Structures are given as C-alpha cells and as structure tokens.
Amino acid sequence: MPDGWQWDSTLFRGSAAYYGPGRLPYAPGFAQTLATALGLDPPTEIMTWRKPYGGQ
C-alpha cells in the first residue's frame, strides 16, 4: 500500500443487504467436496456451519 493509505471504513456501508440476493450459488458438488477434504461426515456436520449470510 502507498504511504499514508488508510482504509475507508464507509466503503461498503449499506452493501450487506445486497449480498444474499446478488450472490451466485456454490458450484454443484462444492459442499460434498469441502466436507470430504475437511474429513466431515455430511450431511450432519456440514449443516452445523452452513448458514445463510447473516444467519444466527
């Protein structure tokens, strides 16, 4: 980064509402491939971390 550069904390203000509707879906097989790579036992374990954006 150039000297004197500072992050603009307002850069993405208000953009969260558009993330979910504008986000492309994961590629087919992504969840299964990730679960296998992480050594998870899908679908039970993978469901514990897969929440929609902004989910509780």
C-alpha atoms as a PDB file:
ATOM      1  CA  MET A   1       0.000   0.000   0.000  1.00  0.00           C
ATOM      2  CA  PRO A   2       1.192   3.523  -0.636  1.00  0.00           C
ATOM      3  CA  ASP A   3       2.491   5.518   2.297  1.00  0.00           C
ATOM      4  CA  GLY A   4      -0.292   7.336   4.069  1.00  0.00           C
ATOM      5  CA  TRP A   5      -3.016   5.000   2.776  1.00  0.00           C
ATOM      6  CA  GLN A   6      -5.873   4.418   5.192  1.00  0.00           C
ATOM      7  CA  TRP A   7      -8.855   2.104   4.999  1.00  0.00           C
ATOM      8  CA  ASP A   8     -12.155   3.889   4.380  1.00  0.00           C
ATOM      9  CA  SER A   9     -14.488   2.273   6.894  1.00  0.00           C
ATOM     10  CA  THR A  10     -17.529   3.607   4.987  1.00  0.00           C
ATOM     11  CA  LEU A  11     -16.530   1.932   1.722  1.00  0.00           C
ATOM     12  CA  PHE A  12     -19.030  -0.947   1.922  1.00  0.00           C
ATOM     13  CA  ARG A  13     -21.571   0.634   4.264  1.00  0.00           C
ATOM     14  CA  GLY A  14     -25.053  -0.484   3.277  1.00  0.00           C
ATOM     15  CA  SER A  15     -23.906  -3.252   0.933  1.00  0.00           C
ATOM     16  CA  ALA A  16     -24.794  -6.222   3.179  1.00  0.00           C
ATOM     17  CA  ALA A  17     -28.453  -6.139   2.161  1.00  0.00           C
ATOM     18  CA  TYR A  18     -27.432  -6.837  -1.441  1.00  0.00           C
ATOM     19  CA  TYR A  19     -25.023  -9.695  -0.733  1.00  0.00           C
ATOM     20  CA  GLY A  20     -27.537 -12.544  -0.431  1.00  0.00           C
ATOM     21  CA  PRO A  21     -29.748 -11.629  -3.393  1.00  0.00           C
ATOM     22  CA  GLY A  22     -26.791 -10.938  -5.677  1.00  0.00           C
ATOM     23  CA  ARG A  23     -24.548 -13.814  -4.635  1.00  0.00           C
ATOM     24  CA  LEU A  24     -24.096 -16.668  -7.101  1.00  0.00           C
ATOM     25  CA  PRO A  25     -24.732 -20.190  -5.778  1.00  0.00           C
ATOM     26  CA  TYR A  26     -21.873 -22.532  -4.987  1.00  0.00           C
ATOM     27  CA  ALA A  27     -20.825 -24.875  -7.756  1.00  0.00           C
ATOM     28  CA  PRO A  28     -22.563 -28.276  -7.802  1.00  0.00           C
ATOM     29  CA  GLY A  29     -20.714 -30.692  -5.549  1.00  0.00           C
ATOM     30  CA  PHE A  30     -18.870 -27.957  -3.631  1.00  0.00           C
ATOM     31  CA  ALA A  31     -20.320 -28.844  -0.219  1.00  0.00           C
ATOM     32  CA  GLN A  32     -19.567 -32.540  -0.671  1.00  0.00           C
ATOM     33  CA  THR A  33     -16.017 -31.844  -1.890  1.00  0.00           C
ATOM     34  CA  LEU A  34     -15.339 -29.472   1.003  1.00  0.00           C
ATOM     35  CA  ALA A  35     -16.776 -31.892   3.557  1.00  0.00           C
ATOM     36  CA  THR A  36     -14.607 -34.700   2.179  1.00  0.00           C
ATOM     37  CA  ALA A  37     -11.490 -32.511   2.203  1.00  0.00           C
ATOM     38  CA  LEU A  38     -12.175 -31.488   5.814  1.00  0.00           C
ATOM     39  CA  GLY A  39     -12.949 -35.035   6.917  1.00  0.00           C
ATOM     40  CA  LEU A  40     -16.531 -34.206   7.904  1.00  0.00           C
ATOM     41  CA  ASP A  41     -19.415 -36.646   7.905  1.00  0.00           C
ATOM     42  CA  PRO A  42     -22.024 -34.949   5.709  1.00  0.00           C
ATOM     43  CA  PRO A  43     -24.771 -34.016   5.845  1.00  0.00           C
ATOM     44  CA  THR A  44     -24.928 -33.738   9.651  1.00  0.00           C
ATOM     45  CA  GLU A  45     -21.631 -31.996  10.412  1.00  0.00           C
ATOM     46  CA  ILE A  46     -21.656 -29.807   7.343  1.00  0.00           C
ATOM     47  CA  MET A  47     -25.053 -28.419   8.303  1.00  0.00           C
ATOM     48  CA  THR A  48     -23.660 -27.063  11.564  1.00  0.00           C
ATOM     49  CA  TRP A  49     -21.550 -24.465   9.740  1.00  0.00           C
ATOM     50  CA  ARG A  50     -23.623 -23.844   6.628  1.00  0.00           C
ATOM     51  CA  LYS A  51     -25.872 -20.915   7.421  1.00  0.00           C
ATOM     52  CA  PRO A  52     -27.264 -18.258   5.116  1.00  0.00           C
ATOM     53  CA  TYR A  53     -25.461 -14.928   5.110  1.00  0.00           C
ATOM     54  CA  GLY A  54     -26.484 -13.010   8.191  1.00  0.00           C
ATOM     55  CA  GLY A  55     -27.903 -16.152   9.814  1.00  0.00           C
ATOM     56  CA  GLN A  56     -27.861 -16.713  13.537  1.00  0.00           C
END
